Amino acid sequence: MKMDDIVLMAYVDGELTSLEREEVEKAMSTSADIAERVALLEASVLPYQRAFQHQALPPVRDSLARKIDELAQAHTVRSNRSRLRTAAPWLAVAFMAGGLCGGASVSRE
């Protein structure tokens, strides 16, 4: 297993399987660099969940929630149209290229 920061952070977060944890621990025992990186990652872990656990959030106004939904839907519709606009020319080019290649192979036979 490659010991990149993603794997090491998963180790620190307790998200690895027992086999993966063993691999990281073995790498830490043989590499001072990996052990140091894990120590730095462990030091960077902050208790965010605990910090915000008891915070009372103000209610979101209905008008704001509706506006956010409208914006999200408008963006989704715009994104889908944009994909169709860019996909259509590429599909046409691919179709033409396929036709030319297919025609070339048919004419050789």
Foldseek 3Di string as FASTA:
>chain_A
DDLDLVLLLCLLVVNDDPVSVVVLVVVVVVDVVSVVSSVVSNVPDDPVCVVCVPPDDDDDDPVVVVVVVVVVVVVVVVVVVVCVVVVVVVVVVVVVVVVVVVVVVVVVD
